[in-house]
């Protein structure tokens, strides 16, 4: 389950506890009114769409802009979405917590003093379960290496001064993974960022490979026509300005939900500019 989906589910769970309502429409109305205090001004239709996409899973997940994710995280008791993503653990996930005790073979004198009694609590990943073959079989040095490869999957090795070298982390069974686990909106597309970046101008959100690859703002509106843009582009209109995007979701700059481009919008706000004769 993605952190974004987990957050939306917790929002509706919180609304159920506070309002006593259980229906989609009742919860949507409650959140519409209650979340205005968090400066979230969505209508009931928007929250109903969230419920269908994230709670019921009836449609693909909707893009949620970083500012909204931060405010929803505050609603359920966290500082922001980054804080929620790194610290939240569902109560019903406690059953998935596994404790492993590893004893190094006595013959391994060089390691026995340091590693003879290791207790590992695996709690930081939702829905993680230790493989049965690890729990049921004795573990020697090879077992330690196996567990270690699992645990360092989220560990980023210190950056080096070598030029043109990407910092990498060791994933499950040694699969490499880029250490930049967050992204930010850079005017026309999402770009990778270090989650520890303290730049106040960046609104970081957990990396979403789909958003990074397919969600772009179309910078050349003059290339759009009804023939090539209908059914393939979406738009937002704010203060008379219209921006076009390559994927449905939310305008990261304004927080407004995108709408499918219509012939009227395309012909009025895109296409070749009108040439004025001198």
C-alpha atoms as a PDB file:
ATOM      1  CA  UNK A   1       0.000   0.000   0.000  1.00  0.00           C
ATOM      2  CA  UNK A   2       1.435   3.383  -1.002  1.00  0.00           C
ATOM      3  CA  UNK A   3       1.960   6.008   1.693  1.00  0.00           C
ATOM      4  CA  UNK A   4      -0.473   8.283  -0.131  1.00  0.00           C
ATOM      5  CA  UNK A   5      -3.200   5.610  -0.102  1.00  0.00           C
ATOM      6  CA  UNK A   6      -2.423   4.812   3.526  1.00  0.00           C
ATOM      7  CA  UNK A   7      -2.841   8.479   4.453  1.00  0.00           C
ATOM      8  CA  UNK A   8      -6.206   8.869   2.680  1.00  0.00           C
ATOM      9  CA  UNK A   9      -7.486   5.710   4.381  1.00  0.00           C
ATOM     10  CA  UNK A  10      -6.464   7.140   7.760  1.00  0.00           C
ATOM     11  CA  UNK A  11      -8.234  10.418   6.947  1.00  0.00           C
ATOM     12  CA  UNK A  12     -11.519   8.580   6.377  1.00  0.00           C
ATOM     13  CA  UNK A  13     -10.968   6.433   9.480  1.00  0.00           C
ATOM     14  CA  UNK A  14     -10.440   9.606  11.516  1.00  0.00           C
ATOM     15  CA  UNK A  15     -13.610  11.095  10.035  1.00  0.00           C
ATOM     16  CA  UNK A  16     -15.561   7.953  11.004  1.00  0.00           C
ATOM     17  CA  UNK A  17     -14.388   8.222  14.620  1.00  0.00           C
ATOM     18  CA  UNK A  18     -15.207  11.914  14.872  1.00  0.00           C
ATOM     19  CA  UNK A  19     -18.524  11.992  13.028  1.00  0.00           C
ATOM     20  CA  UNK A  20     -19.945   8.517  13.658  1.00  0.00           C
ATOM     21  CA  UNK A  21     -20.848   8.338   9.977  1.00  0.00           C
ATOM     22  CA  UNK A  22     -20.019   5.334   7.796  1.00  0.00           C
ATOM     23  CA  UNK A  23     -21.434   6.136   4.351  1.00  0.00           C
ATOM     24  CA  UNK A  24     -19.302   7.639   1.616  1.00  0.00           C
ATOM     25  CA  UNK A  25     -21.570  10.663   1.181  1.00  0.00           C
ATOM     26  CA  UNK A  26     -21.759  11.294   4.925  1.00  0.00           C
ATOM     27  CA  UNK A  27     -17.989  11.141   5.338  1.00  0.00           C
ATOM     28  CA  UNK A  28     -17.437  13.314   2.256  1.00  0.00           C
ATOM     29  CA  UNK A  29     -19.774  15.997   3.633  1.00  0.00           C
ATOM     30  CA  UNK A  30     -18.110  15.874   7.052  1.00  0.00           C
ATOM     31  CA  UNK A  31     -14.610  16.237   5.592  1.00  0.00           C
ATOM     32  CA  UNK A  32     -15.726  19.069   3.294  1.00  0.00           C
ATOM     33  CA  UNK A  33     -16.905  21.101   6.283  1.00  0.00           C
ATOM     34  CA  UNK A  34     -14.329  20.034   8.872  1.00  0.00           C
ATOM     35  CA  UNK A  35     -11.191  20.331   6.727  1.00  0.00           C
ATOM     36  CA  UNK A  36     -11.879  23.949   5.859  1.00  0.00           C
ATOM     37  CA  UNK A  37     -10.137  24.702   9.180  1.00  0.00           C
ATOM     38  CA  UNK A  38      -7.035  23.107   7.630  1.00  0.00           C
ATOM     39  CA  UNK A  39      -7.465  25.335   4.544  1.00  0.00           C
ATOM     40  CA  UNK A  40      -8.609  22.455   2.343  1.00  0.00           C
ATOM     41  CA  UNK A  41     -11.529  23.736   0.278  1.00  0.00           C
ATOM     42  CA  UNK A  42     -12.707  20.640  -1.596  1.00  0.00           C
ATOM     43  CA  UNK A  43     -16.322  19.864  -2.434  1.00  0.00           C
ATOM     44  CA  UNK A  44     -18.089  16.612  -1.539  1.00  0.00           C
ATOM     45  CA  UNK A  45     -17.510  15.254  -5.050  1.00  0.00           C
ATOM     46  CA  UNK A  46     -13.741  15.437  -4.594  1.00  0.00           C
ATOM     47  CA  UNK A  47     -13.781  13.542  -1.298  1.00  0.00           C
ATOM     48  CA  UNK A  48     -16.127  10.954  -2.851  1.00  0.00           C
ATOM     49  CA  UNK A  49     -13.593  10.463  -5.645  1.00  0.00           C
ATOM     50  CA  UNK A  50     -10.861   9.997  -3.041  1.00  0.00           C
ATOM     51  CA  UNK A  51     -13.008   7.387  -1.288  1.00  0.00           C
ATOM     52  CA  UNK A  52     -13.602   5.451  -4.522  1.00  0.00           C
ATOM     53  CA  UNK A  53      -9.946   5.557  -5.548  1.00  0.00           C
ATOM     54  CA  UNK A  54      -8.098   5.079  -2.260  1.00  0.00           C
ATOM     55  CA  UNK A  55     -10.528   3.277   0.070  1.00  0.00           C
ATOM     56  CA  UNK A  56     -12.591   1.146  -2.310  1.00  0.00           C
ATOM     57  CA  UNK A  57      -9.925   0.863  -5.018  1.00  0.00           C
ATOM     58  CA  UNK A  58     -12.579   1.221  -7.729  1.00  0.00           C
ATOM     59  CA  UNK A  59     -10.356   3.385  -9.931  1.00  0.00           C
ATOM     60  CA  UNK A  60      -6.685   4.254 -10.278  1.00  0.00           C
ATOM     61  CA  UNK A  61      -5.166   6.432  -7.563  1.00  0.00           C
ATOM     62  CA  UNK A  62      -5.722  10.157  -8.015  1.00  0.00           C
ATOM     63  CA  UNK A  63      -2.804  12.553  -7.946  1.00  0.00           C
ATOM     64  CA  UNK A  64      -2.815  14.597  -4.731  1.00  0.00           C
ATOM     65  CA  UNK A  65      -0.707  17.751  -4.637  1.00  0.00           C
ATOM     66  CA  UNK A  66       2.029  17.995  -1.959  1.00  0.00           C
ATOM     67  CA  UNK A  67       0.353  20.847  -0.045  1.00  0.00           C
ATOM     68  CA  UNK A  68      -2.870  18.836   0.354  1.00  0.00           C
ATOM     69  CA  UNK A  69      -0.908  15.772   1.494  1.00  0.00           C
ATOM     70  CA  UNK A  70       0.776  17.902   4.161  1.00  0.00           C
ATOM     71  CA  UNK A  71      -2.545  19.302   5.420  1.00  0.00           C
ATOM     72  CA  UNK A  72      -4.230  15.888   5.462  1.00  0.00           C
ATOM     73  CA  UNK A  73      -1.262  14.578   7.457  1.00  0.00           C
ATOM     74  CA  UNK A  74      -1.782  17.396   9.966  1.00  0.00           C
ATOM     75  CA  UNK A  75      -5.441  16.387  10.256  1.00  0.00           C
ATOM     76  CA  UNK A  76      -4.473  12.882  11.399  1.00  0.00           C
ATOM     77  CA  UNK A  77      -1.883  14.237  13.836  1.00  0.00           C
ATOM     78  CA  UNK A  78       1.429  14.551  11.990  1.00  0.00           C
ATOM     79  CA  UNK A  79       3.640  17.524  11.162  1.00  0.00           C
ATOM     80  CA  UNK A  80       3.486  16.950   7.406  1.00  0.00           C
ATOM     81  CA  UNK A  81       3.378  14.136   4.842  1.00  0.00           C
ATOM     82  CA  UNK A  82       7.090  13.476   5.188  1.00  0.00           C
ATOM     83  CA  UNK A  83       6.610  12.984   8.923  1.00  0.00           C
ATOM     84  CA  UNK A  84       3.616  10.691   8.308  1.00  0.00           C
ATOM     85  CA  UNK A  85       5.488   8.606   5.734  1.00  0.00           C
ATOM     86  CA  UNK A  86       8.428   8.011   8.037  1.00  0.00           C
ATOM     87  CA  UNK A  87       6.730   7.447  11.391  1.00  0.00           C
ATOM     88  CA  UNK A  88       3.193   6.109  10.914  1.00  0.00           C
ATOM     89  CA  UNK A  89       2.497   2.456  11.734  1.00  0.00           C
ATOM     90  CA  UNK A  90      -1.025   1.042  11.562  1.00  0.00           C
ATOM     91  CA  UNK A  91      -2.244  -0.538  14.772  1.00  0.00           C
ATOM     92  CA  UNK A  92      -3.324  -3.681  12.968  1.00  0.00           C
ATOM     93  CA  UNK A  93       0.180  -4.048  11.563  1.00  0.00           C
ATOM     94  CA  UNK A  94       1.569  -5.023  14.974  1.00  0.00           C
ATOM     95  CA  UNK A  95       0.912  -8.662  14.126  1.00  0.00           C
ATOM     96  CA  UNK A  96       3.458  -8.342  11.328  1.00  0.00           C
ATOM     97  CA  UNK A  97       6.246  -7.314  13.714  1.00  0.00           C
ATOM     98  CA  UNK A  98       8.853 -10.081  13.761  1.00  0.00           C
ATOM     99  CA  UNK A  99      11.720 -10.440  16.237  1.00  0.00           C
ATOM    100  CA  UNK A 100      14.720 -12.460  15.122  1.00  0.00           C
ATOM    101  CA  UNK A 101      17.521 -13.616  17.407  1.00  0.00           C
ATOM    102  CA  UNK A 102      20.727 -14.578  15.630  1.00  0.00           C
ATOM    103  CA  UNK A 103      23.524 -16.534  17.326  1.00  0.00           C
ATOM    104  CA  UNK A 104      26.863 -16.713  15.560  1.00  0.00           C
ATOM    105  CA  UNK A 105      28.572 -20.116  15.477  1.00  0.00           C
ATOM    106  CA  UNK A 106      31.004 -20.493  18.369  1.00  0.00           C
ATOM    107  CA  UNK A 107      33.811 -21.388  15.975  1.00  0.00           C
ATOM    108  CA  UNK A 108      33.703 -17.954  14.446  1.00  0.00           C
ATOM    109  CA  UNK A 109      35.855 -16.413  17.168  1.00  0.00           C
ATOM    110  CA  UNK A 110      36.500 -13.182  15.283  1.00  0.00           C
ATOM    111  CA  UNK A 111      32.816 -12.342  15.180  1.00  0.00           C
ATOM    112  CA  UNK A 112      31.338 -14.103  18.175  1.00  0.00           C
ATOM    113  CA  UNK A 113      32.017 -11.309  20.665  1.00  0.00           C
ATOM    114  CA  UNK A 114      30.385  -8.669  18.505  1.00  0.00           C
ATOM    115  CA  UNK A 115      27.520 -10.583  16.950  1.00  0.00           C
ATOM    116  CA  UNK A 116      26.741 -13.408  19.385  1.00  0.00           C
ATOM    117  CA  UNK A 117      23.424 -11.946  20.463  1.00  0.00           C
ATOM    118  CA  UNK A 118      21.635  -9.795  17.942  1.00  0.00           C
ATOM    119  CA  UNK A 119      17.969  -8.899  18.279  1.00  0.00           C
ATOM    120  CA  UNK A 120      16.354  -7.429  15.194  1.00  0.00           C
ATOM    121  CA  UNK A 121      12.915  -5.805  15.337  1.00  0.00           C
ATOM    122  CA  UNK A 122      11.459  -5.318  11.877  1.00  0.00           C
ATOM    123  CA  UNK A 123       8.783  -2.648  12.195  1.00  0.00           C
ATOM    124  CA  UNK A 124       9.515   0.107   9.721  1.00  0.00           C
ATOM    125  CA  UNK A 125       7.860  -1.345   6.610  1.00  0.00           C
ATOM    126  CA  UNK A 126       4.109  -1.790   6.279  1.00  0.00           C
ATOM    127  CA  UNK A 127       3.000  -5.303   5.265  1.00  0.00           C
ATOM    128  CA  UNK A 128       6.510  -6.731   5.703  1.00  0.00           C
ATOM    129  CA  UNK A 129       6.744 -10.366   6.799  1.00  0.00           C
ATOM    130  CA  UNK A 130       9.951 -12.260   7.358  1.00  0.00           C
ATOM    131  CA  UNK A 131      10.249 -15.160   4.882  1.00  0.00           C
ATOM    132  CA  UNK A 132       9.188 -18.451   6.425  1.00  0.00           C
ATOM    133  CA  UNK A 133      12.376 -20.224   5.377  1.00  0.00           C
ATOM    134  CA  UNK A 134      14.368 -17.705   7.448  1.00  0.00           C
ATOM    135  CA  UNK A 135      12.202 -18.142  10.559  1.00  0.00           C
ATOM    136  CA  UNK A 136      12.115 -21.944  10.388  1.00  0.00           C
ATOM    137  CA  UNK A 137      15.798 -22.641   9.748  1.00  0.00           C
ATOM    138  CA  UNK A 138      18.905 -22.002  11.858  1.00  0.00           C
ATOM    139  CA  UNK A 139      21.019 -19.058  10.762  1.00  0.00           C
ATOM    140  CA  UNK A 140      24.793 -18.895  10.741  1.00  0.00           C
ATOM    141  CA  UNK A 141      26.996 -16.293   9.071  1.00  0.00           C
ATOM    142  CA  UNK A 142      25.111 -16.668   5.782  1.00  0.00           C
ATOM    143  CA  UNK A 143      21.873 -15.953   7.628  1.00  0.00           C
ATOM    144  CA  UNK A 144      23.281 -12.744   9.057  1.00  0.00           C
ATOM    145  CA  UNK A 145      24.235 -11.576   5.585  1.00  0.00           C
ATOM    146  CA  UNK A 146      20.758 -12.421   4.310  1.00  0.00           C
ATOM    147  CA  UNK A 147      19.031 -10.441   7.052  1.00  0.00           C
ATOM    148  CA  UNK A 148      21.500  -7.619   6.585  1.00  0.00           C
ATOM    149  CA  UNK A 149      20.672  -7.349   2.892  1.00  0.00           C
ATOM    150  CA  UNK A 150      17.007  -6.901   3.814  1.00  0.00           C
ATOM    151  CA  UNK A 151      17.638  -4.269   6.448  1.00  0.00           C
ATOM    152  CA  UNK A 152      19.942  -2.016   4.452  1.00  0.00           C
ATOM    153  CA  UNK A 153      17.454  -1.690   1.616  1.00  0.00           C
ATOM    154  CA  UNK A 154      16.470   1.750   2.900  1.00  0.00           C
ATOM    155  CA  UNK A 155      19.976   2.770   3.956  1.00  0.00           C
ATOM    156  CA  UNK A 156      21.785   5.316   1.796  1.00  0.00           C
ATOM    157  CA  UNK A 157      25.553   5.037   1.676  1.00  0.00           C
ATOM    158  CA  UNK A 158      27.421   8.293   2.377  1.00  0.00           C
ATOM    159  CA  UNK A 159      28.025  10.447  -0.672  1.00  0.00           C
ATOM    160  CA  UNK A 160      31.532  10.390  -2.117  1.00  0.00           C
ATOM    161  CA  UNK A 161      33.453  13.108  -3.892  1.00  0.00           C
ATOM    162  CA  UNK A 162      33.879  11.054  -7.043  1.00  0.00           C
ATOM    163  CA  UNK A 163      32.606  12.867 -10.124  1.00  0.00           C
ATOM    164  CA  UNK A 164      29.648  11.556 -12.117  1.00  0.00           C
ATOM    165  CA  UNK A 165      28.969   8.873  -9.499  1.00  0.00           C
ATOM    166  CA  UNK A 166      25.382   8.370  -8.325  1.00  0.00           C
ATOM    167  CA  UNK A 167      24.917   7.581  -4.643  1.00  0.00           C
ATOM    168  CA  UNK A 168      23.347   4.132  -4.413  1.00  0.00           C
ATOM    169  CA  UNK A 169      21.762   1.977  -1.731  1.00  0.00           C
ATOM    170  CA  UNK A 170      21.765  -1.803  -1.512  1.00  0.00           C
ATOM    171  CA  UNK A 171      18.254  -3.198  -2.034  1.00  0.00           C
ATOM    172  CA  UNK A 172      16.742  -6.607  -1.293  1.00  0.00           C
ATOM    173  CA  UNK A 173      19.239  -9.359  -2.252  1.00  0.00           C
ATOM    174  CA  UNK A 174      21.656  -6.695  -3.485  1.00  0.00           C
ATOM    175  CA  UNK A 175      19.407  -4.963  -6.038  1.00  0.00           C
ATOM    176  CA  UNK A 176      20.669  -1.349  -6.443  1.00  0.00           C
ATOM    177  CA  UNK A 177      18.313   1.559  -5.811  1.00  0.00           C
ATOM    178  CA  UNK A 178      18.861   5.316  -6.185  1.00  0.00           C
ATOM    179  CA  UNK A 179      19.072   6.990  -2.780  1.00  0.00           C
ATOM    180  CA  UNK A 180      16.854   9.923  -3.700  1.00  0.00           C
ATOM    181  CA  UNK A 181      13.493   8.797  -2.366  1.00  0.00           C
ATOM    182  CA  UNK A 182      11.580  12.083  -2.730  1.00  0.00           C
ATOM    183  CA  UNK A 183      10.557  14.382  -5.533  1.00  0.00           C
ATOM    184  CA  UNK A 184       9.461  17.993  -6.030  1.00  0.00           C
ATOM    185  CA  UNK A 185       7.599  19.949  -8.712  1.00  0.00           C
ATOM    186  CA  UNK A 186       9.955  22.017 -10.883  1.00  0.00           C
ATOM    187  CA  UNK A 187       7.600  24.237 -12.928  1.00  0.00           C
ATOM    188  CA  UNK A 188       6.856  21.650 -15.625  1.00  0.00           C
ATOM    189  CA  UNK A 189       7.799  18.230 -14.227  1.00  0.00           C
ATOM    190  CA  UNK A 190       8.701  16.324 -11.081  1.00  0.00           C
ATOM    191  CA  UNK A 191      12.384  15.903 -10.236  1.00  0.00           C
ATOM    192  CA  UNK A 192      14.216  13.679  -7.766  1.00  0.00           C
ATOM    193  CA  UNK A 193      15.400  15.077  -4.453  1.00  0.00           C
ATOM    194  CA  UNK A 194      17.076  13.853  -1.301  1.00  0.00           C
ATOM    195  CA  UNK A 195      14.418  13.418   1.399  1.00  0.00           C
ATOM    196  CA  UNK A 196      16.804  15.095   3.854  1.00  0.00           C
ATOM    197  CA  UNK A 197      17.001  18.266   1.748  1.00  0.00           C
ATOM    198  CA  UNK A 198      16.124  21.190   4.045  1.00  0.00           C
ATOM    199  CA  UNK A 199      15.557  23.733   1.254  1.00  0.00           C
ATOM    200  CA  UNK A 200      12.382  25.604   2.377  1.00  0.00           C
ATOM    201  CA  UNK A 201      11.521  26.377  -1.251  1.00  0.00           C
ATOM    202  CA  UNK A 202      11.033  22.701  -2.061  1.00  0.00           C
ATOM    203  CA  UNK A 203       7.812  20.931  -1.191  1.00  0.00           C
ATOM    204  CA  UNK A 204       8.989  17.324  -1.043  1.00  0.00           C
ATOM    205  CA  UNK A 205       6.770  14.296  -1.506  1.00  0.00           C
ATOM    206  CA  UNK A 206       7.684  10.588  -1.676  1.00  0.00           C
ATOM    207  CA  UNK A 207       8.940   9.561  -5.102  1.00  0.00           C
ATOM    208  CA  UNK A 208       6.205   8.390  -7.481  1.00  0.00           C
ATOM    209  CA  UNK A 209       7.705   6.852 -10.619  1.00  0.00           C
ATOM    210  CA  UNK A 210       4.425   7.129 -12.551  1.00  0.00           C
ATOM    211  CA  UNK A 211       4.086  10.847 -11.792  1.00  0.00           C
ATOM    212  CA  UNK A 212       7.737  11.474 -12.641  1.00  0.00           C
ATOM    213  CA  UNK A 213       7.509   9.724 -15.972  1.00  0.00           C
ATOM    214  CA  UNK A 214       4.083  10.721 -17.276  1.00  0.00           C
ATOM    215  CA  UNK A 215       2.893  13.883 -15.479  1.00  0.00           C
ATOM    216  CA  UNK A 216       4.212  16.954 -17.324  1.00  0.00           C
ATOM    217  CA  UNK A 217       3.037  20.494 -17.960  1.00  0.00           C
ATOM    218  CA  UNK A 218       2.852  21.194 -21.686  1.00  0.00           C
ATOM    219  CA  UNK A 219       5.107  24.184 -22.264  1.00  0.00           C
ATOM    220  CA  UNK A 220       4.342  24.552 -25.991  1.00  0.00           C
ATOM    221  CA  UNK A 221       0.608  25.190 -26.103  1.00  0.00           C
ATOM    222  CA  UNK A 222       0.913  26.268 -29.737  1.00  0.00           C
ATOM    223  CA  UNK A 223       1.548  22.640 -30.726  1.00  0.00           C
ATOM    224  CA  UNK A 224      -1.857  21.501 -29.473  1.00  0.00           C
ATOM    225  CA  UNK A 225      -4.802  20.900 -31.761  1.00  0.00           C
ATOM    226  CA  UNK A 226      -8.184  19.289 -31.250  1.00  0.00           C
ATOM    227  CA  UNK A 227      -6.912  16.287 -33.225  1.00  0.00           C
ATOM    228  CA  UNK A 228      -3.793  15.634 -31.143  1.00  0.00           C
ATOM    229  CA  UNK A 229      -4.959  16.868 -27.715  1.00  0.00           C
ATOM    230  CA  UNK A 230      -8.503  15.552 -27.292  1.00  0.00           C
ATOM    231  CA  UNK A 231      -8.504  12.637 -24.864  1.00  0.00           C
ATOM    232  CA  UNK A 232      -4.744  12.990 -24.316  1.00  0.00           C
ATOM    233  CA  UNK A 233      -4.476  16.230 -22.333  1.00  0.00           C
ATOM    234  CA  UNK A 234      -5.976  17.819 -19.244  1.00  0.00           C
ATOM    235  CA  UNK A 235      -6.125  21.466 -18.172  1.00  0.00           C
ATOM    236  CA  UNK A 236      -6.482  23.798 -15.204  1.00  0.00           C
ATOM    237  CA  UNK A 237      -7.710  27.375 -15.294  1.00  0.00           C
ATOM    238  CA  UNK A 238      -6.648  29.869 -12.649  1.00  0.00           C
ATOM    239  CA  UNK A 239      -7.088  33.663 -12.792  1.00  0.00           C
ATOM    240  CA  UNK A 240      -7.798  33.455 -16.497  1.00  0.00           C
ATOM    241  CA  UNK A 241      -4.650  31.464 -17.258  1.00  0.00           C
ATOM    242  CA  UNK A 242      -4.968  27.948 -18.676  1.00  0.00           C
ATOM    243  CA  UNK A 243      -2.249  25.315 -18.352  1.00  0.00           C
ATOM    244  CA  UNK A 244      -2.286  21.942 -20.100  1.00  0.00           C
ATOM    245  CA  UNK A 245      -0.937  18.657 -18.718  1.00  0.00           C
ATOM    246  CA  UNK A 246      -0.172  15.187 -20.074  1.00  0.00           C
ATOM    247  CA  UNK A 247      -1.964  13.268 -17.302  1.00  0.00           C
ATOM    248  CA  UNK A 248      -5.052  13.631 -15.122  1.00  0.00           C
ATOM    249  CA  UNK A 249      -4.577  14.752 -11.526  1.00  0.00           C
ATOM    250  CA  UNK A 250      -4.049  18.069  -9.726  1.00  0.00           C
ATOM    251  CA  UNK A 251      -2.197  21.193 -10.840  1.00  0.00           C
ATOM    252  CA  UNK A 252       0.839  21.205  -8.482  1.00  0.00           C
ATOM    253  CA  UNK A 253       1.065  25.008  -8.633  1.00  0.00           C
ATOM    254  CA  UNK A 254      -2.564  25.828  -7.765  1.00  0.00           C
ATOM    255  CA  UNK A 255      -3.942  22.656  -6.197  1.00  0.00           C
ATOM    256  CA  UNK A 256      -6.892  22.695  -8.615  1.00  0.00           C
ATOM    257  CA  UNK A 257      -8.155  19.420 -10.031  1.00  0.00           C
ATOM    258  CA  UNK A 258      -7.505  18.969 -13.720  1.00  0.00           C
ATOM    259  CA  UNK A 259     -10.264  18.549 -16.286  1.00  0.00           C
ATOM    260  CA  UNK A 260     -10.208  16.767 -19.610  1.00  0.00           C
ATOM    261  CA  UNK A 261      -9.458  19.194 -22.436  1.00  0.00           C
ATOM    262  CA  UNK A 262     -12.454  20.093 -24.612  1.00  0.00           C
ATOM    263  CA  UNK A 263     -12.449  21.399 -28.205  1.00  0.00           C
ATOM    264  CA  UNK A 264     -13.518  24.827 -26.908  1.00  0.00           C
ATOM    265  CA  UNK A 265     -10.663  25.057 -24.395  1.00  0.00           C
ATOM    266  CA  UNK A 266      -8.093  23.790 -26.885  1.00  0.00           C
ATOM    267  CA  UNK A 267      -9.164  26.169 -29.638  1.00  0.00           C
ATOM    268  CA  UNK A 268      -9.382  29.185 -27.301  1.00  0.00           C
ATOM    269  CA  UNK A 269      -6.282  28.725 -25.161  1.00  0.00           C
ATOM    270  CA  UNK A 270      -3.937  26.565 -27.267  1.00  0.00           C
ATOM    271  CA  UNK A 271      -3.017  26.129 -30.913  1.00  0.00           C
ATOM    272  CA  UNK A 272      -1.224  28.574 -33.176  1.00  0.00           C
ATOM    273  CA  UNK A 273      -1.304  32.192 -31.932  1.00  0.00           C
ATOM    274  CA  UNK A 274      -3.297  34.599 -34.008  1.00  0.00           C
ATOM    275  CA  UNK A 275      -1.058  36.589 -36.395  1.00  0.00           C
ATOM    276  CA  UNK A 276      -1.756  40.299 -36.344  1.00  0.00           C
ATOM    277  CA  UNK A 277      -0.947  42.107 -39.566  1.00  0.00           C
ATOM    278  CA  UNK A 278       0.863  45.399 -39.221  1.00  0.00           C
END
